[in-house]
Amino acid sequence: MSRSVQLYNYTHTHTHARTRMYVQTKRAIVNFSRIYKSRGDVFERVFFFQYGQKIPFGSKKKKEKVDKETKKLRKFLKISGMKNNEEKTEEDTCANEKVKPGENWSGRDTHAVIDYKVYDLKVEDVIRNFERKMKKIYDNNLNVDFFNNIIIEKGKQNFKLSELAQVVIKSVKFIYFYPYVTGDTQKIIHHLKLKDNTWNPITSNDGQHILLQIPPLTEDIKLKKKKEAKDLLEKIKNDLRNLRHKIRDDIVKNCQGDEWKIVERKKLDTYIKTKTRVIEEIYERYLRTSD
């Protein structure tokens, strides 16, 4: 056999062998590329035979075909991998930021709970003002300063009562005046009667002091005070209703879902009823005291 014939047979045989190896490699890549899906996450598991590595054989045209097929497969795997990375990144972000259940990504709490401590400060101020005004209505306001500021005319000059006598309040009903000069006793008695025509101050037996006994309230005065207290109560209740509307607007703005809005509104109703009851108890206590 000639040298040229041997060379031809050798080249022909090895060319067919390499072609078969290329076909087998390509089939191995396609047949053993597997994609598994688990819990909504796509995991790529690609198994290659040992012949799956890039082997430089065949013509330049065949190499280019292998590269194109490989690029398609790699592109597919890259896209799937990007999806997995995005999902994992989102999970990691949740874990790092410690997003609580019930919070969405906008940072707004869908199950927001209204904090009533902020409103408690306003309500407590309302209650304190109400009690102070009720006390002012039903108290006789007969304190030492009240009497000391009564003006007494003497010798065409005006003097405060504190400049002419010492005022001592023994009880709510009994007031004592001790004049510095005995001659001022009648002037003091006269101006006390001018201050309130229901008062009837008298001089003690020894003439050293003046006794003023505060008479009980008349029915007309009691009715007047009750009406004033009732009007004040209604005004305070109206203030609480306005506060209720304000809190309700906050509930609508901060809570999502009808179920949560209903729950918070029930809490709001209970809260307002409790505070209203506190005010009513103060009102009733002063009414009993006046009777």
Protein backbone atom coordinates (compact mmCIF):
# COMPACT_ATOMS: atom_id res chain seq x y z
CA MET A 1 0.00 0.00 0.00
CA SER A 2 1.38 3.32 -1.00
CA ARG A 3 2.23 6.09 1.45
CA SER A 4 -0.50 8.37 0.14
CA VAL A 5 -3.18 5.70 0.56
CA GLN A 6 -2.14 5.09 4.18
CA LEU A 7 -2.26 8.78 4.96
CA TYR A 8 -5.73 9.07 3.45
CA ASN A 9 -7.09 6.13 5.49
CA TYR A 10 -5.58 7.55 8.72
CA THR A 11 -7.06 10.99 8.15
CA HIS A 12 -10.45 9.61 7.14
CA THR A 13 -10.66 7.33 10.19
CA HIS A 14 -9.70 10.00 12.77
CA THR A 15 -11.98 12.60 11.19
CA HIS A 16 -14.99 10.30 11.66
CA ALA A 17 -13.91 9.57 15.23
CA ARG A 18 -13.73 13.24 16.11
CA THR A 19 -17.08 13.90 14.47
CA ARG A 20 -18.69 11.15 16.55
CA MET A 21 -17.09 12.56 19.72
CA TYR A 22 -18.51 16.04 18.95
CA VAL A 23 -22.02 14.63 18.39
CA GLN A 24 -21.83 12.60 21.61
CA THR A 25 -20.64 15.65 23.57
CA LYS A 26 -23.43 17.82 22.23
CA ARG A 27 -26.05 15.19 23.11
CA ALA A 28 -24.55 14.81 26.57
CA ILE A 29 -24.89 18.53 27.22
CA VAL A 30 -28.52 18.59 26.09
CA ASN A 31 -29.60 15.31 27.72
CA PHE A 32 -27.98 15.96 31.09
CA SER A 33 -29.02 19.59 31.51
CA ARG A 34 -31.69 19.41 34.19
CA ILE A 35 -33.69 22.14 35.87
CA TYR A 36 -35.34 21.50 39.21
CA LYS A 37 -38.00 23.66 40.75
CA SER A 38 -38.49 23.69 44.54
CA ARG A 39 -40.72 26.00 46.66
CA GLY A 40 -41.09 28.50 43.89
CA ASP A 41 -37.29 28.93 43.52
CA VAL A 42 -35.57 27.79 40.34
CA PHE A 43 -32.40 25.85 40.96
CA GLU A 44 -30.26 24.83 38.01
CA ARG A 45 -28.35 21.65 38.26
CA VAL A 46 -26.44 20.86 35.07
CA PHE A 47 -24.53 17.65 34.79
CA PHE A 48 -21.88 17.33 32.17
CA PHE A 49 -19.92 14.32 31.12
CA GLN A 50 -16.23 14.58 31.19
CA TYR A 51 -16.43 15.24 27.47
CA GLY A 52 -18.46 18.36 28.07
CA GLN A 53 -15.40 20.52 28.40
CA LYS A 54 -14.29 22.52 25.43
CA ILE A 55 -12.14 20.27 23.28
CA PRO A 56 -10.30 21.85 20.35
CA PHE A 57 -11.04 19.44 17.53
CA GLY A 58 -12.65 19.56 14.13
CA SER A 59 -12.72 22.40 11.71
CA LYS A 60 -13.01 26.08 12.61
CA LYS A 61 -16.63 26.02 11.44
CA LYS A 62 -17.46 23.20 13.89
CA LYS A 63 -15.78 25.05 16.74
CA GLU A 64 -17.97 28.06 16.08
CA LYS A 65 -21.11 25.89 16.16
CA VAL A 66 -20.10 24.43 19.50
CA ASP A 67 -19.49 27.90 20.87
CA LYS A 68 -22.92 29.08 19.73
CA GLU A 69 -24.68 26.14 21.37
CA THR A 70 -22.69 26.69 24.53
CA LYS A 71 -23.54 30.39 24.51
CA LYS A 72 -27.26 29.61 24.21
CA LEU A 73 -27.08 27.23 27.15
CA ARG A 74 -25.03 29.66 29.22
CA LYS A 75 -27.42 32.49 28.40
CA PHE A 76 -30.36 30.37 29.56
CA LEU A 77 -28.57 29.48 32.79
CA LYS A 78 -27.56 33.11 33.33
CA ILE A 79 -31.16 34.35 33.03
CA SER A 80 -32.39 31.67 35.46
CA GLY A 81 -29.58 32.52 37.85
CA MET A 82 -30.50 36.21 37.77
CA LYS A 83 -34.06 35.35 38.78
CA ASN A 84 -32.80 33.26 41.67
CA ASN A 85 -30.47 36.04 42.80
CA GLU A 86 -33.30 38.60 42.74
CA GLU A 87 -35.51 36.37 44.89
CA LYS A 88 -32.70 35.64 47.31
CA THR A 89 -31.79 39.32 47.49
CA GLU A 90 -35.37 40.17 48.43
CA GLU A 91 -35.36 37.50 51.16
CA ASP A 92 -32.01 38.76 52.49
CA THR A 93 -33.34 42.31 52.54
CA CYS A 94 -36.34 41.19 54.59
CA ALA A 95 -34.06 39.42 57.03
CA ASN A 96 -31.60 42.30 57.30
CA GLU A 97 -34.24 45.01 57.69
CA LYS A 98 -36.30 42.81 60.04
CA VAL A 99 -39.58 43.68 58.40
CA LYS A 100 -42.35 42.88 60.85
CA PRO A 101 -45.44 40.93 59.85
CA GLY A 102 -48.10 43.28 58.64
CA GLU A 103 -45.68 45.78 57.10
CA ASN A 104 -45.45 46.24 53.37
CA TRP A 105 -42.43 47.38 51.37
CA SER A 106 -43.53 51.00 51.35
CA GLY A 107 -42.91 51.07 55.10
CA ARG A 108 -46.56 51.66 55.90
CA ASP A 109 -48.00 49.47 58.59
CA THR A 110 -51.15 47.88 57.30
CA HIS A 111 -52.17 46.84 60.81
CA ALA A 112 -51.29 50.12 62.55
CA VAL A 113 -52.36 50.42 66.18
CA ILE A 114 -53.40 53.86 67.42
CA ASP A 115 -51.39 55.07 70.41
CA TYR A 116 -53.79 56.75 72.84
CA LYS A 117 -51.02 58.11 75.07
CA VAL A 118 -50.74 61.14 72.79
CA TYR A 119 -54.44 61.88 73.21
CA ASP A 120 -54.38 61.18 76.96
CA LEU A 121 -52.45 64.40 77.52
CA LYS A 122 -55.17 66.43 75.83
CA VAL A 123 -57.97 64.60 77.62
CA GLU A 124 -56.33 65.05 81.03
CA ASP A 125 -56.07 68.78 80.39
CA VAL A 126 -59.76 68.87 79.50
CA ILE A 127 -60.68 67.00 82.69
CA ARG A 128 -58.54 69.25 84.91
CA ASN A 129 -60.02 72.40 83.38
CA PHE A 130 -63.52 71.02 83.87
CA GLU A 131 -62.93 70.23 87.54
CA ARG A 132 -61.37 73.63 88.17
CA LYS A 133 -64.36 75.41 86.62
CA MET A 134 -66.84 73.25 88.54
CA LYS A 135 -65.06 74.14 91.76
CA LYS A 136 -65.24 77.81 90.86
CA ILE A 137 -69.00 77.54 90.25
CA TYR A 138 -69.87 75.79 93.50
CA ASP A 139 -67.28 77.24 95.85
CA ASN A 140 -68.28 80.44 97.62
CA ASN A 141 -64.92 81.99 96.70
CA LEU A 142 -64.79 83.40 100.21
CA ASN A 143 -61.06 83.29 100.76
CA VAL A 144 -58.88 85.78 102.60
CA ASP A 145 -57.82 87.55 99.40
CA PHE A 146 -61.43 88.04 98.42
CA PHE A 147 -62.16 89.97 101.64
CA ASN A 148 -58.83 91.78 101.78
CA ASN A 149 -59.57 93.42 98.43
CA ILE A 150 -62.93 94.86 99.52
CA ILE A 151 -62.69 98.65 99.30
CA ILE A 152 -63.60 100.66 102.43
CA GLU A 153 -64.20 104.40 102.15
CA LYS A 154 -62.82 106.33 105.10
CA GLY A 155 -62.27 110.09 105.34
CA LYS A 156 -62.74 110.57 101.59
CA GLN A 157 -60.04 107.99 100.95
CA ASN A 158 -60.31 104.40 99.82
CA PHE A 159 -58.63 101.65 101.78
CA LYS A 160 -58.46 97.94 101.30
CA LEU A 161 -60.09 95.93 104.07
CA SER A 162 -56.72 94.34 104.82
CA GLU A 163 -55.43 97.81 105.78
CA LEU A 164 -58.18 98.28 108.38
CA ALA A 165 -58.74 94.79 109.79
CA GLN A 166 -57.45 91.25 109.93
CA VAL A 167 -59.59 88.61 108.21
CA VAL A 168 -59.84 85.11 109.70
CA ILE A 169 -61.90 82.36 108.04
CA LYS A 170 -62.97 79.89 110.73
CA SER A 171 -65.03 77.74 108.36
CA VAL A 172 -66.94 77.97 105.12
CA LYS A 173 -69.84 79.65 106.91
CA PHE A 174 -68.11 81.77 109.58
CA ILE A 175 -65.78 84.71 108.85
CA TYR A 176 -64.17 86.88 111.58
CA PHE A 177 -62.87 90.45 111.17
CA TYR A 178 -60.58 92.04 113.78
CA PRO A 179 -60.40 95.85 113.25
CA TYR A 180 -57.11 97.54 114.06
CA VAL A 181 -59.06 100.57 115.26
CA THR A 182 -62.37 100.06 117.07
CA GLY A 183 -63.82 103.17 115.42
CA ASP A 184 -63.65 101.50 111.99
CA THR A 185 -66.03 98.70 112.99
CA GLN A 186 -69.22 100.30 111.66
CA LYS A 187 -67.60 101.35 108.41
CA ILE A 188 -66.46 97.76 107.80
CA ILE A 189 -69.95 96.39 108.56
CA HIS A 190 -71.51 98.93 106.19
CA HIS A 191 -69.27 98.05 103.25
CA LEU A 192 -69.71 94.29 103.83
CA LYS A 193 -73.46 94.75 103.43
CA LEU A 194 -72.88 96.73 100.25
CA LYS A 195 -70.76 93.90 98.90
CA ASP A 196 -73.58 91.38 99.30
CA ASN A 197 -77.05 92.35 100.46
CA THR A 198 -77.65 88.83 101.83
CA TRP A 199 -74.88 89.25 104.40
CA ASN A 200 -75.68 90.38 107.93
CA PRO A 201 -72.40 91.00 109.84
CA ILE A 202 -72.69 91.68 113.59
CA THR A 203 -70.37 92.97 116.29
CA SER A 204 -69.26 90.69 119.09
CA ASN A 205 -70.38 91.38 122.65
CA ASP A 206 -67.00 92.82 123.62
CA GLY A 207 -66.84 94.90 120.42
CA GLN A 208 -63.44 93.51 119.51
CA HIS A 209 -64.38 91.72 116.29
CA ILE A 210 -67.05 91.35 113.62
CA LEU A 211 -68.76 88.03 112.88
CA LEU A 212 -70.11 87.26 109.42
CA GLN A 213 -72.22 84.15 109.00
CA ILE A 214 -72.60 83.16 105.33
CA PRO A 215 -76.23 82.27 104.66
CA PRO A 216 -77.10 79.10 102.74
CA LEU A 217 -77.71 79.42 99.03
CA THR A 218 -81.20 80.32 97.95
CA GLU A 219 -83.08 78.13 95.50
CA ASP A 220 -82.65 80.69 92.75
CA ILE A 221 -78.89 80.73 93.23
CA LYS A 222 -78.78 76.92 93.31
CA LEU A 223 -80.74 76.69 90.05
CA LYS A 224 -78.46 79.25 88.46
CA LYS A 225 -75.36 77.31 89.50
CA LYS A 226 -76.85 74.02 88.28
CA LYS A 227 -77.60 75.53 84.89
CA GLU A 228 -74.08 76.94 84.64
CA ALA A 229 -72.61 73.54 85.56
CA LYS A 230 -74.86 71.73 83.07
CA ASP A 231 -73.81 74.06 80.25
CA LEU A 232 -70.18 73.50 81.14
CA LEU A 233 -70.70 69.71 81.10
CA GLU A 234 -72.21 69.82 77.61
CA LYS A 235 -69.35 71.97 76.36
CA ILE A 236 -66.76 69.51 77.66
CA LYS A 237 -68.64 66.58 76.11
CA ASN A 238 -68.61 68.41 72.81
CA ASP A 239 -64.83 68.82 73.13
CA LEU A 240 -64.51 65.06 73.62
CA ARG A 241 -66.66 64.42 70.53
CA ASN A 242 -64.37 66.66 68.49
CA LEU A 243 -61.38 64.71 69.79
CA ARG A 244 -63.12 61.48 68.81
CA HIS A 245 -63.49 62.72 65.22
CA LYS A 246 -59.79 63.60 65.18
CA ILE A 247 -58.75 60.12 66.35
CA ARG A 248 -61.16 58.51 63.89
CA ASP A 249 -59.53 60.41 61.02
CA ASP A 250 -56.16 59.08 62.17
CA ILE A 251 -57.54 55.53 62.15
CA VAL A 252 -58.81 55.90 58.58
CA LYS A 253 -55.48 57.38 57.49
CA ASN A 254 -53.16 54.88 59.20
CA CYS A 255 -55.10 51.60 59.09
CA GLN A 256 -55.73 49.47 56.02
CA GLY A 257 -58.50 46.93 55.79
CA ASP A 258 -62.07 47.19 57.02
CA GLU A 259 -61.52 44.59 59.75
CA TRP A 260 -58.76 46.59 61.44
CA LYS A 261 -60.71 49.83 61.12
CA ILE A 262 -63.67 48.23 62.89
CA VAL A 263 -61.42 46.97 65.72
CA GLU A 264 -59.81 50.37 66.25
CA ARG A 265 -63.15 52.18 66.11
CA LYS A 266 -64.52 49.93 68.84
CA LYS A 267 -61.46 50.72 70.97
CA LEU A 268 -62.03 54.41 70.29
CA ASP A 269 -65.68 54.23 71.39
CA THR A 270 -64.66 52.51 74.62
CA TYR A 271 -61.92 55.10 75.22
CA ILE A 272 -64.25 58.10 74.76
CA LYS A 273 -67.00 56.52 76.88
CA THR A 274 -64.52 55.96 79.72
CA LYS A 275 -63.32 59.57 79.67
CA THR A 276 -66.89 60.88 79.43
CA ARG A 277 -67.82 58.86 82.48
CA VAL A 278 -64.95 60.44 84.45
CA ILE A 279 -66.29 63.91 83.64
CA GLU A 280 -69.85 62.94 84.56
CA GLU A 281 -68.65 61.63 87.94
CA ILE A 282 -66.99 64.99 88.69
CA TYR A 283 -70.20 66.79 87.73
CA GLU A 284 -72.36 64.54 89.94
CA ARG A 285 -70.00 64.94 92.90
CA TYR A 286 -70.33 68.72 92.87
CA LEU A 287 -74.09 68.47 92.50
CA ARG A 288 -74.31 66.32 95.62
CA THR A 289 -72.09 68.77 97.52
CA SER A 290 -74.30 71.71 96.62
CA ASP A 291 -77.41 69.93 97.89
